[in-house]
Amino acid sequence: MTGFSSAISAPDNQPHRTFRALEDLVRDTIGVRLFTLMGIDHRRGVVWRSYTNMPEAYPAGGEKSLLRNRWAEIVEGRHETFVANSIEEIAEVFSDHELIRSLGCESCLNLPIVIMGHLRGTLNCLDVAGHYTPERVAAAQGLKTAGAAAFLLADALRKPIPKQGEENG
């Protein structure tokens, strides 16, 4: 976690630096080929990609409507981790399954990041078929704190941060 702690405390290249360190932490903890961070705005019913390690295939930015399927029931409704370990399972919930497969990915783990009772976003991890074993799914739960810290940092950068000694308004 040292790399992530150093990244989040660094003053430059934020939040990208922290997102990249989070990707490294995920890779070291559970393994990942394609990694994205997806932000969620329930009020407006949209999601957006905040970070990606494959920008050619999955660029950051842009918005799309929230899903209304089994994935949404699991991740949005129950705040539970979604796991699919075959391209067939992925195809049941994601329309971009052909692109996913073309990138060498046939399994995914979507880790919900819940802050103060609200789903703020997901860590989306994809790898080869069968990769997200029960042991890796259990290990992924330990990534939630770092995920929450990364999202909170991104949120803080959208509004002015008071300088030390200033009153919080």
C-alpha atoms as a PDB file:
ATOM      1  CA  MET A   1       0.000   0.000   0.000  1.00  0.00           C
ATOM      2  CA  THR A   2       3.049   2.234   0.243  1.00  0.00           C
ATOM      3  CA  GLY A   3       2.882   3.207  -3.446  1.00  0.00           C
ATOM      4  CA  PHE A   4      -0.768   4.158  -3.133  1.00  0.00           C
ATOM      5  CA  SER A   5      -0.155   6.172   0.051  1.00  0.00           C
ATOM      6  CA  SER A   6       2.689   8.050  -1.611  1.00  0.00           C
ATOM      7  CA  ALA A   7       0.606   8.721  -4.714  1.00  0.00           C
ATOM      8  CA  ILE A   8      -2.435  10.074  -2.893  1.00  0.00           C
ATOM      9  CA  SER A   9      -0.304  12.434  -0.809  1.00  0.00           C
ATOM     10  CA  ALA A  10       1.623  13.812  -3.810  1.00  0.00           C
ATOM     11  CA  PRO A  11       0.633  17.322  -4.919  1.00  0.00           C
ATOM     12  CA  ASP A  12       1.137  16.882  -8.665  1.00  0.00           C
ATOM     13  CA  ASN A  13      -0.674  15.079 -11.510  1.00  0.00           C
ATOM     14  CA  GLN A  14      -3.798  14.391  -9.450  1.00  0.00           C
ATOM     15  CA  PRO A  15      -6.070  12.456  -9.551  1.00  0.00           C
ATOM     16  CA  HIS A  16      -4.377  10.496 -12.386  1.00  0.00           C
ATOM     17  CA  ARG A  17      -1.346   9.681 -10.216  1.00  0.00           C
ATOM     18  CA  THR A  18      -3.587   8.204  -7.518  1.00  0.00           C
ATOM     19  CA  PHE A  19      -5.705   6.315 -10.048  1.00  0.00           C
ATOM     20  CA  ARG A  20      -2.561   4.782 -11.567  1.00  0.00           C
ATOM     21  CA  ALA A  21      -1.324   3.747  -8.119  1.00  0.00           C
ATOM     22  CA  LEU A  22      -4.730   2.206  -7.426  1.00  0.00           C
ATOM     23  CA  GLU A  23      -4.388   0.208 -10.650  1.00  0.00           C
ATOM     24  CA  ASP A  24      -0.981  -1.048  -9.452  1.00  0.00           C
ATOM     25  CA  LEU A  25      -2.467  -1.979  -6.085  1.00  0.00           C
ATOM     26  CA  VAL A  26      -5.291  -3.887  -7.779  1.00  0.00           C
ATOM     27  CA  ARG A  27      -2.805  -5.691 -10.048  1.00  0.00           C
ATOM     28  CA  ASP A  28      -0.668  -6.682  -7.053  1.00  0.00           C
ATOM     29  CA  THR A  29      -3.692  -7.804  -5.010  1.00  0.00           C
ATOM     30  CA  ILE A  30      -5.925  -9.678  -7.468  1.00  0.00           C
ATOM     31  CA  GLY A  31      -4.420  -9.282 -10.928  1.00  0.00           C
ATOM     32  CA  VAL A  32      -5.952  -7.260 -13.763  1.00  0.00           C
ATOM     33  CA  ARG A  33      -5.501  -6.858 -17.512  1.00  0.00           C
ATOM     34  CA  LEU A  34      -8.075  -4.095 -18.164  1.00  0.00           C
ATOM     35  CA  PHE A  35      -8.747  -1.691 -15.294  1.00  0.00           C
ATOM     36  CA  THR A  36     -11.212   1.190 -15.251  1.00  0.00           C
ATOM     37  CA  LEU A  37     -12.804   3.401 -12.615  1.00  0.00           C
ATOM     38  CA  MET A  38     -16.466   4.149 -13.227  1.00  0.00           C
ATOM     39  CA  GLY A  39     -18.156   7.038 -11.444  1.00  0.00           C
ATOM     40  CA  ILE A  40     -21.904   6.936 -10.805  1.00  0.00           C
ATOM     41  CA  ASP A  41     -24.405   9.773 -10.464  1.00  0.00           C
ATOM     42  CA  HIS A  42     -27.723   8.237  -9.389  1.00  0.00           C
ATOM     43  CA  ARG A  43     -29.536  11.557  -9.391  1.00  0.00           C
ATOM     44  CA  ARG A  44     -28.910  11.995 -13.113  1.00  0.00           C
ATOM     45  CA  GLY A  45     -28.894   8.256 -13.873  1.00  0.00           C
ATOM     46  CA  VAL A  46     -25.478   8.247 -15.541  1.00  0.00           C
ATOM     47  CA  VAL A  47     -22.041   6.660 -15.269  1.00  0.00           C
ATOM     48  CA  TRP A  48     -18.687   7.850 -16.621  1.00  0.00           C
ATOM     49  CA  ARG A  49     -15.207   6.396 -16.920  1.00  0.00           C
ATOM     50  CA  SER A  50     -12.815   8.356 -14.689  1.00  0.00           C
ATOM     51  CA  TYR A  51      -9.719   6.280 -15.461  1.00  0.00           C
ATOM     52  CA  THR A  52      -8.645   3.539 -17.833  1.00  0.00           C
ATOM     53  CA  ASN A  53      -5.434   1.665 -18.513  1.00  0.00           C
ATOM     54  CA  MET A  54      -6.550   1.030 -22.134  1.00  0.00           C
ATOM     55  CA  PRO A  55      -7.593   4.471 -23.388  1.00  0.00           C
ATOM     56  CA  GLU A  56      -7.623   3.414 -27.054  1.00  0.00           C
ATOM     57  CA  ALA A  57     -10.379   0.846 -26.394  1.00  0.00           C
ATOM     58  CA  TYR A  58     -12.016   2.491 -23.362  1.00  0.00           C
ATOM     59  CA  PRO A  59     -11.328   6.242 -23.221  1.00  0.00           C
ATOM     60  CA  ALA A  60     -11.893   8.218 -20.046  1.00  0.00           C
ATOM     61  CA  GLY A  61     -14.722  10.728 -19.942  1.00  0.00           C
ATOM     62  CA  GLY A  62     -18.143  10.795 -21.511  1.00  0.00           C
ATOM     63  CA  GLU A  63     -21.331   9.600 -19.911  1.00  0.00           C
ATOM     64  CA  LYS A  64     -23.809   6.831 -20.524  1.00  0.00           C
ATOM     65  CA  SER A  65     -27.028   5.750 -18.880  1.00  0.00           C
ATOM     66  CA  LEU A  66     -26.998   3.435 -15.898  1.00  0.00           C
ATOM     67  CA  LEU A  67     -27.605  -0.231 -16.640  1.00  0.00           C
ATOM     68  CA  ARG A  68     -30.936  -1.781 -15.707  1.00  0.00           C
ATOM     69  CA  ASN A  69     -30.177  -5.491 -15.517  1.00  0.00           C
ATOM     70  CA  ARG A  70     -28.839  -8.199 -13.184  1.00  0.00           C
ATOM     71  CA  TRP A  71     -25.585  -6.254 -12.793  1.00  0.00           C
ATOM     72  CA  ALA A  72     -27.532  -3.240 -11.483  1.00  0.00           C
ATOM     73  CA  GLU A  73     -29.430  -5.406  -9.007  1.00  0.00           C
ATOM     74  CA  ILE A  74     -26.184  -6.783  -7.595  1.00  0.00           C
ATOM     75  CA  VAL A  75     -23.915  -3.714  -7.653  1.00  0.00           C
ATOM     76  CA  GLU A  76     -26.333  -0.793  -7.365  1.00  0.00           C
ATOM     77  CA  GLY A  77     -29.135  -2.455  -5.474  1.00  0.00           C
ATOM     78  CA  ARG A  78     -27.234  -4.596  -2.980  1.00  0.00           C
ATOM     79  CA  HIS A  79     -23.758  -2.983  -3.143  1.00  0.00           C
ATOM     80  CA  GLU A  80     -22.232  -6.421  -3.739  1.00  0.00           C
ATOM     81  CA  THR A  81     -19.316  -7.393  -5.963  1.00  0.00           C
ATOM     82  CA  PHE A  82     -20.293  -8.556  -9.446  1.00  0.00           C
ATOM     83  CA  VAL A  83     -18.222 -11.422 -10.839  1.00  0.00           C
ATOM     84  CA  ALA A  84     -18.432 -13.066 -14.252  1.00  0.00           C
ATOM     85  CA  ASN A  85     -15.791 -15.654 -15.100  1.00  0.00           C
ATOM     86  CA  SER A  86     -16.690 -16.361 -18.719  1.00  0.00           C
ATOM     87  CA  ILE A  87     -17.382 -14.264 -21.777  1.00  0.00           C
ATOM     88  CA  GLU A  88     -20.890 -15.771 -21.858  1.00  0.00           C
ATOM     89  CA  GLU A  89     -21.606 -14.418 -18.373  1.00  0.00           C
ATOM     90  CA  ILE A  90     -20.204 -11.038 -19.378  1.00  0.00           C
ATOM     91  CA  ALA A  91     -22.375 -10.996 -22.517  1.00  0.00           C
ATOM     92  CA  GLU A  92     -25.500 -11.423 -20.357  1.00  0.00           C
ATOM     93  CA  VAL A  93     -24.990  -7.951 -18.846  1.00  0.00           C
ATOM     94  CA  PHE A  94     -22.561  -5.943 -21.020  1.00  0.00           C
ATOM     95  CA  SER A  95     -23.263  -5.106 -24.654  1.00  0.00           C
ATOM     96  CA  ASP A  96     -19.547  -4.479 -25.328  1.00  0.00           C
ATOM     97  CA  HIS A  97     -18.627  -8.128 -24.669  1.00  0.00           C
ATOM     98  CA  GLU A  98     -17.052  -8.522 -28.136  1.00  0.00           C
ATOM     99  CA  LEU A  99     -14.653  -5.635 -27.484  1.00  0.00           C
ATOM    100  CA  ILE A 100     -13.879  -7.078 -24.050  1.00  0.00           C
ATOM    101  CA  ARG A 101     -13.037 -10.453 -25.593  1.00  0.00           C
ATOM    102  CA  SER A 102     -10.899  -8.818 -28.306  1.00  0.00           C
ATOM    103  CA  LEU A 103      -8.723  -7.358 -25.527  1.00  0.00           C
ATOM    104  CA  GLY A 104      -8.004 -10.828 -24.147  1.00  0.00           C
ATOM    105  CA  CYS A 105     -10.482 -10.510 -21.297  1.00  0.00           C
ATOM    106  CA  GLU A 106     -13.159 -13.076 -20.487  1.00  0.00           C
ATOM    107  CA  SER A 107     -13.750 -12.474 -16.791  1.00  0.00           C
ATOM    108  CA  CYS A 108     -14.636  -9.394 -14.781  1.00  0.00           C
ATOM    109  CA  LEU A 109     -14.954  -8.240 -11.215  1.00  0.00           C
ATOM    110  CA  ASN A 110     -16.804  -4.997 -10.500  1.00  0.00           C
ATOM    111  CA  LEU A 111     -16.121  -3.815  -6.956  1.00  0.00           C
ATOM    112  CA  PRO A 112     -18.660  -1.308  -5.636  1.00  0.00           C
ATOM    113  CA  ILE A 113     -17.228   1.656  -3.761  1.00  0.00           C
ATOM    114  CA  VAL A 114     -19.767   2.830  -1.219  1.00  0.00           C
ATOM    115  CA  ILE A 115     -19.202   6.085   0.673  1.00  0.00           C
ATOM    116  CA  MET A 116     -21.578   7.136   3.459  1.00  0.00           C
ATOM    117  CA  GLY A 117     -24.159   4.591   2.271  1.00  0.00           C
ATOM    118  CA  HIS A 118     -24.109   5.726  -1.380  1.00  0.00           C
ATOM    119  CA  LEU A 119     -22.582   3.895  -4.309  1.00  0.00           C
ATOM    120  CA  ARG A 120     -19.974   6.369  -5.610  1.00  0.00           C
ATOM    121  CA  GLY A 121     -18.493   4.149  -8.304  1.00  0.00           C
ATOM    122  CA  THR A 122     -16.893   0.862  -9.190  1.00  0.00           C
ATOM    123  CA  LEU A 123     -13.435  -0.560  -9.692  1.00  0.00           C
ATOM    124  CA  ASN A 124     -13.775  -2.572 -12.904  1.00  0.00           C
ATOM    125  CA  CYS A 125     -11.244  -5.361 -13.222  1.00  0.00           C
ATOM    126  CA  LEU A 126     -11.064  -7.644 -16.262  1.00  0.00           C
ATOM    127  CA  ASP A 127      -8.736 -10.529 -17.067  1.00  0.00           C
ATOM    128  CA  VAL A 128      -8.586 -13.966 -18.686  1.00  0.00           C
ATOM    129  CA  ALA A 129     -11.414 -16.501 -18.330  1.00  0.00           C
ATOM    130  CA  GLY A 130     -11.839 -17.893 -14.824  1.00  0.00           C
ATOM    131  CA  HIS A 131      -9.420 -15.403 -13.268  1.00  0.00           C
ATOM    132  CA  TYR A 132     -11.619 -14.073 -10.456  1.00  0.00           C
ATOM    133  CA  THR A 133     -11.624 -17.062  -8.124  1.00  0.00           C
ATOM    134  CA  PRO A 134     -13.349 -16.974  -4.723  1.00  0.00           C
ATOM    135  CA  GLU A 135      -9.950 -16.218  -3.153  1.00  0.00           C
ATOM    136  CA  ARG A 136      -9.389 -13.224  -5.424  1.00  0.00           C
ATOM    137  CA  VAL A 137     -12.939 -11.988  -4.867  1.00  0.00           C
ATOM    138  CA  ALA A 138     -12.321 -12.130  -1.110  1.00  0.00           C
ATOM    139  CA  ALA A 139      -8.980 -10.317  -1.494  1.00  0.00           C
ATOM    140  CA  ALA A 140     -10.670  -7.614  -3.614  1.00  0.00           C
ATOM    141  CA  GLN A 141     -12.772  -6.554  -0.638  1.00  0.00           C
ATOM    142  CA  GLY A 142      -9.603  -5.129   0.915  1.00  0.00           C
ATOM    143  CA  LEU A 143      -9.339  -2.663  -1.997  1.00  0.00           C
ATOM    144  CA  LYS A 144     -12.483  -0.756  -1.036  1.00  0.00           C
ATOM    145  CA  THR A 145     -10.746   1.734   1.251  1.00  0.00           C
ATOM    146  CA  ALA A 146      -8.184   2.688  -1.386  1.00  0.00           C
ATOM    147  CA  GLY A 147     -10.968   2.922  -3.974  1.00  0.00           C
ATOM    148  CA  ALA A 148     -12.981   5.220  -1.717  1.00  0.00           C
ATOM    149  CA  ALA A 149      -9.927   7.391  -1.062  1.00  0.00           C
ATOM    150  CA  ALA A 150      -9.297   7.738  -4.821  1.00  0.00           C
ATOM    151  CA  PHE A 151     -12.901   8.773  -5.515  1.00  0.00           C
ATOM    152  CA  LEU A 152     -12.905  11.213  -2.590  1.00  0.00           C
ATOM    153  CA  LEU A 153      -9.680  12.786  -3.869  1.00  0.00           C
ATOM    154  CA  ALA A 154     -11.227  13.247  -7.316  1.00  0.00           C
ATOM    155  CA  ASP A 155     -14.317  14.805  -5.734  1.00  0.00           C
ATOM    156  CA  ALA A 156     -12.186  17.146  -3.604  1.00  0.00           C
ATOM    157  CA  LEU A 157     -10.321  18.353  -6.683  1.00  0.00           C
ATOM    158  CA  ARG A 158     -13.614  19.502  -8.214  1.00  0.00           C
ATOM    159  CA  LYS A 159     -14.065  22.104  -5.482  1.00  0.00           C
ATOM    160  CA  PRO A 160     -11.545  24.362  -3.726  1.00  0.00           C
ATOM    161  CA  ILE A 161      -9.701  22.755  -0.846  1.00  0.00           C
ATOM    162  CA  PRO A 162      -9.310  25.157   2.116  1.00  0.00           C
ATOM    163  CA  LYS A 163      -5.735  26.060   2.933  1.00  0.00           C
ATOM    164  CA  GLN A 164      -4.426  25.004   6.286  1.00  0.00           C
ATOM    165  CA  GLY A 165      -5.819  27.302   8.999  1.00  0.00           C
ATOM    166  CA  GLU A 166      -8.836  28.471   6.960  1.00  0.00           C
ATOM    167  CA  GLU A 167     -12.302  27.848   8.315  1.00  0.00           C
ATOM    168  CA  ASN A 168     -14.379  25.117   6.709  1.00  0.00           C
ATOM    169  CA  GLY A 169     -17.483  26.748   5.338  1.00  0.00           C
END
